[in-house]
């Protein structure tokens, strides 16, 4: 059915708790391994129902944050999700405490048990009120940013619409857009500083109640990390700083000289030509071209995109009250992915049809093999699906950019490699903030400025209203809503760039490797999945050195064509 026709029914808290109690009783009273495994199936039905209805409510809220019904439904789930989450831990404890656990381990993917153990470390009835407060603050931030308007040249526009001017080919237009962005953030700086401070404090409080030194370790567990930890990420950051940053600074300097810019500013970061490529199609044209592209790519991708189009599983046009970001979600009961975006006439519109569709295809491809607890994998695996798909779509870019397809590929590749140090800044910023939860707003902004100098030395934000104070992070919604998510993009990008290099040598092999990767979903941890693709883990010695060298060579090749 069409996504708009999927029926919504609020999950009743009392009924959910009753069904959890039934599953707990089944696990505790099991007299065989089969009965123990049946208790897991019992609760997984509830999980799929809860996930579907929560996703529906959230999706319809983000489509229009002024919709009072779904605003109330989202608030309802923000209130009951921590309660149900903590209640469900009773089942995990009962399952792990069963005398038939060893027999169950022989039949279950080992990661299922590991996920149960991780979940027990992230929630407890002691922090239900804190989790509810965190949800309330997050919703308050989302609603604020979604409804925030920017006065650009006498017109009130959303952040999504402003971003088009922030990447305009005219440098003065870009500068003006960034100054409007900074001035508007400055007008609301008290709100932004205050709500972030409250978020940091409540997360720190709950972590300490759970016995952690600070929120960092708890944050890692909440991200269901199974293949790496804080120390591994330190190694990755070191590799980025030593192997990528110098190469990027050199490449950016070449762009600066080619464009005749005296000094690269924040508003120059995504500019590579005097006139950057833009899509030659409108929103409907991009979706139609995307359907043609995926049909040609393979039967699997063609069937997937036909289903998405038939079910109206896209909402891509910006409008007042619509959430400013982009995402892919899914409704498990219907095996239906959904893509949300804000098209603005830039290359980012095409990235939606490759990146977010990569997420959606992974859900579609993996659904026959899906385990409720493991889904399509951790966030780093999910982002590998989407970012790799971006590169596998390169061969079709003439559909979207005509004669400037190669220019798009050049820009896309440059953006991809320069993103990694930025993502590290976001991640390290959060580590420092949560290590020092008592920091003042000024100290937090100073941390951001210092990290920018360390990881993006080729660029600065001087003389840009408010942003020069170190506030670029205040419109990076992940920092507010999803702490410690961002490094997943960096790890995934490091792998996706290797998929690109493979596709340049043997596209058929690259695509078949990718297809098998998506089907595996979360059945293995990130490092194992990368190894199964016969690619290098981003944590391996020299992995980023090879990536940097490959990107530099490919950029030079694209520049000549």
Protein backbone atom coordinates (compact mmCIF):
# COMPACT_ATOMS: atom_id res chain seq x y z
CA UNK A 1 0.00 0.00 0.00
CA UNK A 2 1.02 3.63 -0.26
CA UNK A 3 2.93 4.94 2.77
CA UNK A 4 0.23 7.53 3.39
CA UNK A 5 -2.31 4.69 3.73
CA UNK A 6 -0.40 2.66 6.33
CA UNK A 7 -2.74 2.59 9.33
CA UNK A 8 -1.47 4.11 12.53
CA UNK A 9 -2.50 2.76 15.93
CA UNK A 10 -0.97 4.03 19.14
CA UNK A 11 0.87 1.36 21.12
CA UNK A 12 -0.85 1.12 24.49
CA UNK A 13 1.69 1.23 27.32
CA UNK A 14 -0.21 -1.10 29.64
CA UNK A 15 -0.77 -3.66 26.88
CA UNK A 16 2.91 -3.53 25.91
CA UNK A 17 3.94 -4.11 29.52
CA UNK A 18 1.49 -7.04 29.74
CA UNK A 19 3.02 -8.65 26.64
CA UNK A 20 6.52 -8.16 28.02
CA UNK A 21 5.45 -9.85 31.26
CA UNK A 22 4.13 -12.77 29.20
CA UNK A 23 7.49 -13.09 27.41
CA UNK A 24 9.35 -12.92 30.72
CA UNK A 25 7.15 -15.68 32.14
CA UNK A 26 7.70 -17.82 29.03
CA UNK A 27 11.48 -17.40 29.35
CA UNK A 28 11.55 -18.13 33.08
CA UNK A 29 9.25 -21.12 32.83
CA UNK A 30 10.77 -22.62 29.68
CA UNK A 31 11.42 -26.36 30.03
CA UNK A 32 13.34 -26.63 26.76
CA UNK A 33 15.46 -24.54 24.46
CA UNK A 34 12.57 -24.42 21.98
CA UNK A 35 10.32 -22.81 24.59
CA UNK A 36 13.06 -20.32 25.45
CA UNK A 37 13.44 -19.36 21.78
CA UNK A 38 9.65 -19.07 21.49
CA UNK A 39 9.69 -16.45 24.25
CA UNK A 40 12.06 -14.38 22.11
CA UNK A 41 9.69 -14.60 19.14
CA UNK A 42 6.87 -13.46 21.42
CA UNK A 43 8.60 -10.24 22.41
CA UNK A 44 10.00 -9.61 18.93
CA UNK A 45 6.44 -9.31 17.59
CA UNK A 46 5.90 -6.48 20.03
CA UNK A 47 9.22 -4.88 19.07
CA UNK A 48 8.26 -4.86 15.39
CA UNK A 49 4.84 -3.38 16.16
CA UNK A 50 6.32 -0.74 18.46
CA UNK A 51 9.03 0.16 15.95
CA UNK A 52 6.49 0.49 13.12
CA UNK A 53 4.06 2.70 15.02
CA UNK A 54 6.78 4.85 16.55
CA UNK A 55 8.37 5.32 13.12
CA UNK A 56 5.01 6.25 11.60
CA UNK A 57 4.30 8.79 14.33
CA UNK A 58 7.78 10.29 14.08
CA UNK A 59 7.70 10.41 10.26
CA UNK A 60 4.34 12.17 10.20
CA UNK A 61 5.50 14.58 12.90
CA UNK A 62 8.62 15.52 10.91
CA UNK A 63 6.51 16.04 7.78
CA UNK A 64 4.74 18.80 9.68
CA UNK A 65 6.02 19.66 13.14
CA UNK A 66 2.93 21.87 13.58
CA UNK A 67 0.57 18.89 13.25
CA UNK A 68 -0.96 18.78 16.74
CA UNK A 69 -2.02 15.12 16.56
CA UNK A 70 1.38 13.70 15.62
CA UNK A 71 3.10 16.26 17.81
CA UNK A 72 1.16 14.73 20.71
CA UNK A 73 1.88 11.17 19.51
CA UNK A 74 5.61 11.88 19.31
CA UNK A 75 5.46 13.35 22.82
CA UNK A 76 3.60 10.23 23.98
CA UNK A 77 6.33 7.92 22.67
CA UNK A 78 9.01 10.16 24.16
CA UNK A 79 7.25 9.58 27.48
CA UNK A 80 6.65 5.82 27.28
CA UNK A 81 9.67 4.61 25.29
CA UNK A 82 12.05 4.78 28.28
CA UNK A 83 9.46 2.95 30.41
CA UNK A 84 8.94 0.19 27.84
CA UNK A 85 12.70 0.04 27.15
CA UNK A 86 13.49 -0.54 30.82
CA UNK A 87 10.61 -2.99 31.17
CA UNK A 88 11.94 -5.02 28.22
CA UNK A 89 15.23 -5.49 30.10
CA UNK A 90 13.38 -7.89 32.37
CA UNK A 91 13.06 -10.19 29.38
CA UNK A 92 16.76 -9.89 28.49
CA UNK A 93 17.68 -10.77 32.09
CA UNK A 94 15.32 -13.75 32.10
CA UNK A 95 16.64 -14.99 28.75
CA UNK A 96 20.30 -14.64 29.76
CA UNK A 97 19.55 -16.34 33.08
CA UNK A 98 17.88 -19.37 31.54
CA UNK A 99 19.45 -22.81 32.09
CA UNK A 100 18.92 -23.34 28.35
CA UNK A 101 21.00 -20.31 27.34
CA UNK A 102 23.96 -22.40 26.14
CA UNK A 103 21.66 -24.45 23.93
CA UNK A 104 20.07 -21.23 22.61
CA UNK A 105 23.51 -19.86 21.76
CA UNK A 106 24.03 -22.81 19.40
CA UNK A 107 20.96 -21.75 17.41
CA UNK A 108 21.19 -17.95 17.61
CA UNK A 109 23.59 -15.52 16.00
CA UNK A 110 26.16 -14.70 18.75
CA UNK A 111 25.53 -10.99 18.20
CA UNK A 112 21.95 -11.39 19.46
CA UNK A 113 23.26 -12.39 22.88
CA UNK A 114 25.85 -9.62 22.77
CA UNK A 115 23.13 -7.07 21.99
CA UNK A 116 21.13 -8.27 25.00
CA UNK A 117 24.18 -7.80 27.21
CA UNK A 118 24.84 -4.32 25.81
CA UNK A 119 21.23 -3.20 26.34
CA UNK A 120 21.43 -4.16 30.01
CA UNK A 121 24.24 -1.61 30.37
CA UNK A 122 22.33 1.31 28.86
CA UNK A 123 19.08 1.52 30.78
CA UNK A 124 17.62 0.97 34.23
CA UNK A 125 14.52 2.05 36.11
CA UNK A 126 16.76 4.54 37.98
CA UNK A 127 17.11 6.66 34.83
CA UNK A 128 13.60 6.50 33.33
CA UNK A 129 12.86 10.11 34.32
CA UNK A 130 16.21 11.20 32.85
CA UNK A 131 15.50 9.41 29.57
CA UNK A 132 12.11 11.07 29.40
CA UNK A 133 13.70 14.47 29.98
CA UNK A 134 16.29 13.78 27.26
CA UNK A 135 13.48 12.93 24.84
CA UNK A 136 11.57 16.07 25.79
CA UNK A 137 14.62 18.27 25.18
CA UNK A 138 15.32 16.56 21.85
CA UNK A 139 11.77 17.14 20.65
CA UNK A 140 11.97 20.76 21.78
CA UNK A 141 15.18 21.24 19.75
CA UNK A 142 13.77 19.48 16.65
CA UNK A 143 10.62 21.58 16.72
CA UNK A 144 12.59 24.81 17.20
CA UNK A 145 15.01 24.17 14.33
CA UNK A 146 12.21 22.97 12.02
CA UNK A 147 10.21 26.15 12.54
CA UNK A 148 13.16 28.56 12.51
CA UNK A 149 13.04 30.98 9.56
CA UNK A 150 15.89 32.98 8.06
CA UNK A 151 15.44 36.43 6.53
CA UNK A 152 17.41 36.23 3.28
CA UNK A 153 17.04 39.18 0.91
CA UNK A 154 13.67 40.07 2.36
CA UNK A 155 12.25 36.54 2.17
CA UNK A 156 11.60 34.30 5.17
CA UNK A 157 12.96 30.84 4.33
CA UNK A 158 13.76 27.57 6.11
CA UNK A 159 17.28 26.32 6.82
CA UNK A 160 16.87 23.76 4.03
CA UNK A 161 16.14 26.56 1.54
CA UNK A 162 18.96 28.73 2.91
CA UNK A 163 21.46 25.90 2.31
CA UNK A 164 20.97 26.36 -1.42
CA UNK A 165 22.33 29.91 -1.14
CA UNK A 166 25.12 28.68 1.17
CA UNK A 167 26.51 26.69 -1.79
CA UNK A 168 25.80 29.25 -4.51
CA UNK A 169 28.47 29.68 -7.21
CA UNK A 170 28.60 33.42 -6.42
CA UNK A 171 30.95 33.84 -3.47
CA UNK A 172 29.18 36.98 -2.26
CA UNK A 173 25.85 35.15 -2.17
CA UNK A 174 27.44 32.33 -0.14
CA UNK A 175 28.97 34.85 2.25
CA UNK A 176 25.66 36.66 2.68
CA UNK A 177 23.83 33.37 3.35
CA UNK A 178 26.34 32.34 6.00
CA UNK A 179 26.08 35.73 7.67
CA UNK A 180 22.28 35.41 7.75
CA UNK A 181 22.69 31.93 9.22
CA UNK A 182 25.09 33.21 11.86
CA UNK A 183 22.96 36.24 12.72
CA UNK A 184 19.84 34.11 13.17
CA UNK A 185 21.67 31.59 15.34
CA UNK A 186 23.06 34.48 17.38
CA UNK A 187 19.55 35.84 17.94
CA UNK A 188 18.66 32.44 19.39
CA UNK A 189 21.98 31.70 21.06
CA UNK A 190 20.52 31.69 24.58
CA UNK A 191 18.06 28.96 23.61
CA UNK A 192 20.70 26.89 21.79
CA UNK A 193 23.28 27.18 24.56
CA UNK A 194 20.70 26.45 27.25
CA UNK A 195 19.08 23.41 25.66
CA UNK A 196 22.43 21.84 24.78
CA UNK A 197 23.67 22.44 28.33
CA UNK A 198 20.57 20.69 29.68
CA UNK A 199 21.12 17.77 27.29
CA UNK A 200 24.74 17.37 28.36
CA UNK A 201 23.84 17.53 32.04
CA UNK A 202 20.98 15.03 31.89
CA UNK A 203 23.11 12.57 29.90
CA UNK A 204 25.97 12.96 32.37
CA UNK A 205 23.58 12.43 35.29
CA UNK A 206 22.11 9.22 33.89
CA UNK A 207 25.56 7.84 33.03
CA UNK A 208 26.75 8.35 36.59
CA UNK A 209 23.59 6.73 37.95
CA UNK A 210 24.46 3.72 35.79
CA UNK A 211 27.96 3.57 37.26
CA UNK A 212 29.92 5.12 34.39
CA UNK A 213 32.58 7.79 34.87
CA UNK A 214 30.85 9.96 32.29
CA UNK A 215 28.44 9.66 29.36
CA UNK A 216 31.03 8.57 26.79
CA UNK A 217 31.11 4.84 27.55
CA UNK A 218 27.36 4.77 28.02
CA UNK A 219 26.95 6.65 24.74
CA UNK A 220 29.02 3.99 22.96
CA UNK A 221 26.83 1.24 24.39
CA UNK A 222 23.71 3.13 23.30
CA UNK A 223 25.09 3.07 19.76
CA UNK A 224 25.37 -0.75 20.08
CA UNK A 225 29.11 -0.75 19.33
CA UNK A 226 30.29 -4.32 18.87
CA UNK A 227 33.44 -3.90 16.74
CA UNK A 228 35.27 -0.91 18.21
CA UNK A 229 35.58 1.22 21.32
CA UNK A 230 36.88 4.62 22.41
CA UNK A 231 40.53 3.57 22.14
CA UNK A 232 40.03 2.20 18.62
CA UNK A 233 38.48 5.51 17.60
CA UNK A 234 41.51 7.35 18.99
CA UNK A 235 43.65 5.35 16.57
CA UNK A 236 41.31 6.19 13.70
CA UNK A 237 41.45 9.91 14.56
CA UNK A 238 45.26 9.73 14.59
CA UNK A 239 45.21 8.14 11.13
CA UNK A 240 42.92 10.88 9.83
CA UNK A 241 45.11 13.64 11.21
CA UNK A 242 48.35 12.17 9.90
CA UNK A 243 47.25 10.58 6.61
CA UNK A 244 44.30 12.64 5.36
CA UNK A 245 44.56 16.19 6.71
CA UNK A 246 47.86 17.08 4.97
CA UNK A 247 46.63 15.71 1.61
CA UNK A 248 43.31 17.57 1.89
CA UNK A 249 45.08 20.83 2.82
CA UNK A 250 47.25 20.46 -0.28
CA UNK A 251 44.27 19.74 -2.55
CA UNK A 252 42.27 22.62 -1.07
CA UNK A 253 45.16 24.98 -1.68
CA UNK A 254 45.12 23.95 -5.35
CA UNK A 255 41.38 24.77 -5.50
CA UNK A 256 42.02 28.14 -3.87
CA UNK A 257 44.65 29.05 -6.44
CA UNK A 258 42.53 27.84 -9.36
CA UNK A 259 39.56 29.94 -8.24
CA UNK A 260 41.70 32.96 -7.40
CA UNK A 261 40.56 33.08 -3.77
CA UNK A 262 42.92 34.81 -1.35
CA UNK A 263 41.84 32.81 1.70
CA UNK A 264 39.43 29.88 2.01
CA UNK A 265 36.51 30.59 4.29
CA UNK A 266 33.84 28.34 5.74
CA UNK A 267 31.52 29.36 2.90
CA UNK A 268 34.08 28.17 0.31
CA UNK A 269 34.32 24.64 1.65
CA UNK A 270 31.97 23.02 -0.87
CA UNK A 271 32.99 25.11 -3.91
CA UNK A 272 35.25 23.66 -6.61
CA UNK A 273 34.31 25.48 -9.81
CA UNK A 274 33.43 29.01 -10.84
CA UNK A 275 29.98 27.56 -11.49
CA UNK A 276 29.31 24.37 -9.58
CA UNK A 277 27.24 21.68 -11.27
CA UNK A 278 23.54 21.62 -10.44
CA UNK A 279 20.88 19.07 -11.39
CA UNK A 280 19.28 19.57 -14.79
CA UNK A 281 16.04 18.02 -13.47
CA UNK A 282 13.35 19.11 -11.03
CA UNK A 283 12.32 16.97 -8.07
CA UNK A 284 9.99 14.68 -10.03
CA UNK A 285 12.59 14.39 -12.79
CA UNK A 286 15.23 13.30 -10.29
CA UNK A 287 12.94 10.61 -8.88
CA UNK A 288 12.07 9.38 -12.39
CA UNK A 289 15.73 9.32 -13.45
CA UNK A 290 16.52 7.48 -10.22
CA UNK A 291 13.97 4.83 -11.17
CA UNK A 292 15.61 4.40 -14.58
CA UNK A 293 19.05 4.21 -12.95
CA UNK A 294 18.13 1.51 -10.46
CA UNK A 295 16.32 -0.53 -13.10
CA UNK A 296 19.46 -0.56 -15.22
CA UNK A 297 21.74 -1.33 -12.28
CA UNK A 298 20.19 -4.71 -11.46
CA UNK A 299 16.90 -6.53 -11.15
CA UNK A 300 17.09 -6.27 -7.34
CA UNK A 301 17.60 -2.51 -7.33
CA UNK A 302 15.01 -2.04 -10.09
CA UNK A 303 12.33 -3.97 -8.19
CA UNK A 304 13.21 -1.98 -5.08
CA UNK A 305 12.86 1.43 -6.73
CA UNK A 306 9.65 0.46 -8.52
CA UNK A 307 8.18 -0.47 -5.15
CA UNK A 308 9.31 2.82 -3.59
CA UNK A 309 7.75 4.86 -6.39
CA UNK A 310 4.55 2.83 -6.47
CA UNK A 311 4.09 3.27 -2.72
CA UNK A 312 4.91 7.01 -2.68
CA UNK A 313 7.76 6.30 -0.28
CA UNK A 314 9.41 9.71 -0.78
CA UNK A 315 8.75 13.18 0.61
CA UNK A 316 11.40 15.51 -0.76
CA UNK A 317 10.00 19.05 -1.12
CA UNK A 318 10.79 21.63 1.61
CA UNK A 319 8.00 23.58 3.27
CA UNK A 320 7.44 25.59 6.41
CA UNK A 321 7.11 23.41 9.50
CA UNK A 322 8.83 20.43 7.91
CA UNK A 323 11.88 19.11 9.78
CA UNK A 324 15.08 20.45 8.20
CA UNK A 325 17.13 17.28 7.80
CA UNK A 326 16.95 14.14 5.75
CA UNK A 327 16.66 10.49 6.69
CA UNK A 328 15.53 7.01 5.74
CA UNK A 329 13.28 5.10 8.08
CA UNK A 330 11.33 1.86 7.78
CA UNK A 331 8.09 0.28 8.95
CA UNK A 332 8.98 -3.35 9.76
CA UNK A 333 5.42 -4.72 9.80
CA UNK A 334 5.07 -3.72 6.15
CA UNK A 335 8.69 -4.28 5.00
CA UNK A 336 8.46 -0.68 3.80
CA UNK A 337 11.29 1.88 3.78
CA UNK A 338 10.56 5.62 3.52
CA UNK A 339 12.82 8.51 2.45
CA UNK A 340 12.49 12.04 3.83
CA UNK A 341 14.44 14.98 2.36
CA UNK A 342 14.38 18.70 1.58
CA UNK A 343 15.36 19.24 -2.07
CA UNK A 344 16.85 22.66 -2.75
CA UNK A 345 18.13 22.51 -6.33
CA UNK A 346 21.72 21.56 -5.45
CA UNK A 347 23.81 18.43 -5.87
CA UNK A 348 22.51 17.34 -2.45
CA UNK A 349 19.19 16.50 -4.11
CA UNK A 350 20.86 13.79 -6.18
CA UNK A 351 22.73 12.58 -3.11
CA UNK A 352 19.34 11.80 -1.57
CA UNK A 353 18.44 9.48 -4.43
CA UNK A 354 21.76 7.68 -3.98
CA UNK A 355 22.55 7.95 -0.24
CA UNK A 356 19.12 7.62 1.40
CA UNK A 357 18.07 5.13 -1.26
CA UNK A 358 21.16 3.13 -0.31
CA UNK A 359 19.78 2.87 3.22
CA UNK A 360 16.33 1.94 1.92
CA UNK A 361 17.71 -0.68 -0.44
CA UNK A 362 19.73 -2.27 2.37
CA UNK A 363 16.53 -2.67 4.40
CA UNK A 364 14.74 -4.07 1.34
CA UNK A 365 17.58 -6.46 0.40
CA UNK A 366 18.14 -7.72 3.92
CA UNK A 367 14.53 -8.05 5.07
CA UNK A 368 14.20 -11.76 4.15
CA UNK A 369 17.17 -12.54 6.43
CA UNK A 370 16.39 -9.99 9.12
CA UNK A 371 16.79 -10.65 12.81
CA UNK A 372 14.84 -8.12 14.84
CA UNK A 373 17.70 -7.45 17.26
CA UNK A 374 20.36 -7.02 14.54
CA UNK A 375 18.37 -5.37 11.74
CA UNK A 376 20.68 -4.04 8.99
CA UNK A 377 23.63 -3.64 11.35
CA UNK A 378 25.17 -0.89 13.42
CA UNK A 379 25.11 2.70 12.21
CA UNK A 380 28.62 2.37 10.75
CA UNK A 381 27.40 -0.59 8.67
CA UNK A 382 24.21 1.20 7.65
CA UNK A 383 26.20 4.22 6.48
CA UNK A 384 28.50 1.94 4.49
CA UNK A 385 25.42 0.77 2.60
CA UNK A 386 24.39 4.31 1.72
CA UNK A 387 27.79 5.84 0.98
CA UNK A 388 28.88 2.93 -1.18
CA UNK A 389 25.68 3.23 -3.20
CA UNK A 390 26.52 6.90 -3.84
CA UNK A 391 29.68 5.83 -5.68
CA UNK A 392 28.07 2.92 -7.51
CA UNK A 393 25.66 5.46 -9.01
CA UNK A 394 28.49 7.49 -10.61
CA UNK A 395 28.11 5.78 -13.99
CA UNK A 396 24.57 7.21 -14.26
CA UNK A 397 25.26 10.82 -13.33
CA UNK A 398 24.72 12.08 -16.90
CA UNK A 399 21.00 11.47 -16.28
CA UNK A 400 21.08 14.09 -13.53
CA UNK A 401 23.82 16.52 -14.61
CA UNK A 402 24.10 16.12 -18.38
CA UNK A 403 27.48 17.30 -19.71
CA UNK A 404 28.62 18.18 -16.20
CA UNK A 405 28.43 14.65 -14.86
CA UNK A 406 32.22 14.45 -14.45
CA UNK A 407 32.19 17.75 -12.56
CA UNK A 408 29.61 16.32 -10.18
CA UNK A 409 31.78 13.25 -9.61
CA UNK A 410 34.77 15.50 -8.92
CA UNK A 411 32.80 17.56 -6.40
CA UNK A 412 31.25 14.49 -4.82
CA UNK A 413 34.63 12.80 -4.35
CA UNK A 414 36.22 15.96 -2.96
CA UNK A 415 33.31 16.45 -0.55
CA UNK A 416 33.61 12.79 0.51
CA UNK A 417 37.28 12.95 1.44
CA UNK A 418 37.03 16.37 3.13
CA UNK A 419 34.04 15.21 5.13
CA UNK A 420 36.08 12.71 7.14
CA UNK A 421 38.14 15.28 9.11
CA UNK A 422 34.96 17.29 9.73
CA UNK A 423 33.24 14.19 11.07
CA UNK A 424 36.20 13.60 13.37
CA UNK A 425 35.82 17.18 14.67
CA UNK A 426 32.17 16.50 15.49
CA UNK A 427 33.06 13.26 17.26
CA UNK A 428 36.03 14.60 19.21
CA UNK A 429 34.05 17.71 20.18
CA UNK A 430 31.46 15.46 21.82
CA UNK A 431 34.12 13.45 23.64
CA UNK A 432 35.61 16.61 25.11
CA UNK A 433 32.20 18.04 26.02
CA UNK A 434 31.04 14.89 27.81
CA UNK A 435 34.39 14.52 29.59
CA UNK A 436 33.83 18.06 30.87
CA UNK A 437 30.06 18.47 31.34
CA UNK A 438 30.47 21.62 33.44
CA UNK A 439 31.99 23.62 30.56
CA UNK A 440 30.48 27.02 29.87
CA UNK A 441 29.04 27.87 26.42
CA UNK A 442 32.13 29.99 25.71
CA UNK A 443 34.46 27.10 26.58
CA UNK A 444 32.54 24.75 24.31
CA UNK A 445 32.84 27.18 21.41
CA UNK A 446 36.58 27.56 22.06
CA UNK A 447 36.91 23.76 21.85
CA UNK A 448 35.27 23.81 18.42
CA UNK A 449 37.59 26.55 17.16
CA UNK A 450 40.66 24.65 18.35
CA UNK A 451 39.51 21.45 16.62
CA UNK A 452 38.83 23.33 13.38
CA UNK A 453 42.42 24.60 13.37
CA UNK A 454 43.71 21.09 13.99
CA UNK A 455 41.67 19.17 11.43
CA UNK A 456 40.75 21.85 8.87
CA UNK A 457 43.80 24.15 8.90
CA UNK A 458 43.14 25.25 5.31
CA UNK A 459 39.97 27.14 6.24
CA UNK A 460 38.47 29.48 8.83
CA UNK A 461 35.27 31.26 9.76
CA UNK A 462 36.76 34.67 10.55
CA UNK A 463 34.48 37.65 9.89
CA UNK A 464 31.39 35.48 9.53
CA UNK A 465 28.71 36.66 11.93
CA UNK A 466 28.59 34.50 15.09
CA UNK A 467 30.07 31.44 13.34
CA UNK A 468 33.53 32.92 13.83
CA UNK A 469 33.01 32.35 17.57
CA UNK A 470 33.08 28.56 17.09
CA UNK A 471 29.36 27.84 16.70
CA UNK A 472 29.31 25.79 13.48
CA UNK A 473 28.21 22.82 15.58
CA UNK A 474 24.94 24.49 16.59
CA UNK A 475 23.27 23.53 13.32
CA UNK A 476 24.66 20.00 13.28
CA UNK A 477 21.55 18.27 14.58
CA UNK A 478 23.33 14.97 15.34
CA UNK A 479 25.24 16.65 18.17
CA UNK A 480 21.98 17.49 19.90
CA UNK A 481 19.86 14.50 18.95
CA UNK A 482 22.20 11.51 18.46
CA UNK A 483 25.40 11.81 20.49
CA UNK A 484 28.37 9.80 19.15
CA UNK A 485 26.60 8.87 15.93
CA UNK A 486 28.77 11.00 13.64
CA UNK A 487 31.97 8.92 13.64
CA UNK A 488 29.98 6.17 11.92
CA UNK A 489 29.84 8.34 8.78
CA UNK A 490 33.63 8.67 8.81
CA UNK A 491 34.25 4.95 9.17
CA UNK A 492 31.70 4.20 6.47
CA UNK A 493 33.20 6.79 4.14
CA UNK A 494 36.62 5.17 4.52
CA UNK A 495 35.13 1.85 3.36
CA UNK A 496 32.90 3.37 0.65
CA UNK A 497 35.89 5.09 -0.93
CA UNK A 498 37.49 1.66 -1.30
CA UNK A 499 34.29 0.45 -3.02
CA UNK A 500 34.68 3.40 -5.40
CA UNK A 501 38.27 2.45 -6.20
CA UNK A 502 37.19 -1.14 -6.83
CA UNK A 503 34.36 0.03 -9.10
CA UNK A 504 36.84 2.02 -11.19
CA UNK A 505 38.73 -1.21 -11.88
CA UNK A 506 35.85 -3.71 -12.06
CA UNK A 507 32.32 -2.32 -11.68
CA UNK A 508 30.64 -5.71 -11.87
CA UNK A 509 32.76 -7.09 -9.04
CA UNK A 510 32.24 -3.96 -6.96
CA UNK A 511 28.46 -4.15 -7.36
CA UNK A 512 28.23 -7.88 -6.59
CA UNK A 513 30.44 -7.33 -3.52
CA UNK A 514 28.10 -4.54 -2.42
CA UNK A 515 24.96 -6.59 -3.04
CA UNK A 516 26.20 -9.45 -0.89
CA UNK A 517 27.22 -6.92 1.77
CA UNK A 518 23.71 -5.47 1.98
CA UNK A 519 22.14 -8.93 2.23
CA UNK A 520 24.35 -9.77 5.22
CA UNK A 521 23.00 -6.72 7.07
CA UNK A 522 23.84 -6.91 10.75
CA UNK A 523 24.51 -10.65 10.86
CA UNK A 524 28.20 -9.88 11.51
CA UNK A 525 30.05 -7.05 13.21
CA UNK A 526 31.51 -4.15 11.22
CA UNK A 527 35.09 -5.40 11.05
CA UNK A 528 33.98 -8.86 9.92
CA UNK A 529 31.70 -7.39 7.26
CA UNK A 530 34.53 -5.26 5.86
CA UNK A 531 36.83 -8.27 5.80
CA UNK A 532 34.17 -10.29 3.98
CA UNK A 533 34.14 -7.56 1.32
CA UNK A 534 37.92 -8.08 1.01
CA UNK A 535 38.51 -4.43 1.90
CA UNK A 536 40.68 -2.83 4.56
CA UNK A 537 39.24 -1.89 7.93
CA UNK A 538 39.62 1.86 8.59
CA UNK A 539 41.45 0.85 11.78
CA UNK A 540 44.19 -0.98 9.89
CA UNK A 541 47.62 0.56 9.58
CA UNK A 542 47.94 2.47 6.32
CA UNK A 543 44.29 2.05 5.26
CA UNK A 544 43.68 5.79 5.03
CA UNK A 545 47.03 6.32 3.31
CA UNK A 546 45.83 4.16 0.43
CA UNK A 547 42.47 5.96 0.42
CA UNK A 548 44.15 9.37 0.26
CA UNK A 549 46.45 8.29 -2.56
CA UNK A 550 43.59 6.74 -4.53
CA UNK A 551 41.41 9.82 -4.14
CA UNK A 552 44.20 12.18 -5.19
CA UNK A 553 44.86 10.14 -8.33
CA UNK A 554 41.18 9.89 -9.24
CA UNK A 555 40.60 13.63 -8.71
CA UNK A 556 43.51 14.37 -11.05
CA UNK A 557 42.02 12.00 -13.64
CA UNK A 558 38.55 13.58 -13.39
CA UNK A 559 40.03 17.08 -13.71
CA UNK A 560 41.61 16.14 -17.06
CA UNK A 561 38.51 14.52 -18.55
